[in-house]
Amino acid sequence: MKIISLCFLCALTACGGRSASPWNAAAARGDRPWGYYTGHVEARWENDGRTMTLLSELRYVDPDGVVWMAPAGSQVDGASIPRSLWSFMGGPFEGKYRNASVLHDVAYDQHTRPWPQCDRMFYDAMRCSGVSGVEAKTMYFALRRFGRHWKEPRAFAGAVARSEETVRRAIPVDEAELNETKSWIQNADPSLAQIEQRADTERR
């Protein structure tokens, strides 16, 4: 099988745990306003041509100091992002979207955190990777508007999993709406709260 190396930004200090700590939050907000990555990830393409298995761990500390992990052995295929959005971003594992897409796929597979928190992490991780504000906000809108969501998170390891009914979007991605939203973001520079309100209003 083809072995590919995905190189991510390395930090001088490793992260620990899943929850935020004052130290992590301070470090993330200091000279790293979008958080930071740690570790070096290698991935193997599987024979199906669309799935990658992570051979090493990637961690991301978000601006609030929360640690997100993509453990070695995780399989990712970009499924957490609607396929019709791939043309907009150039593919989930290409360029500056790659780190954020890997973490988002794992978070959506685990369901251990609410989907809005996972999508917000995706936005922050995109910005951390150098994705522009307009592109990151447009993708954030698209995920909230058209993404695959669930009602409540699973319990953490060692506990019985809760109900995890998935709420799927009943409509396909509307390219005209997406382009209109991108233009609005370019001209108005809305806050994330305003983007969320627009996406939630359109979804009703």
Foldseek 3Di string as FASTA:
>chain_A
DDKDWDAFDADPDDDDDQAADPVLLCVCVPPNNLWGKHDTWIWDQDPVRQKIFIQAKIWTQGNRRGIQILGGGDIARLVQQPPVCCVVVVHCCDDLNNVLSSRLRVCVVQQQAFPLVSLVNSLSSSVSSPNDPLSSLLSSLRCLQAGKGWDHGFHDPPDHGDDTDIDHQPDDDDVVVSVVVSVCCVVPVDDSVVSNVVSVVVRD
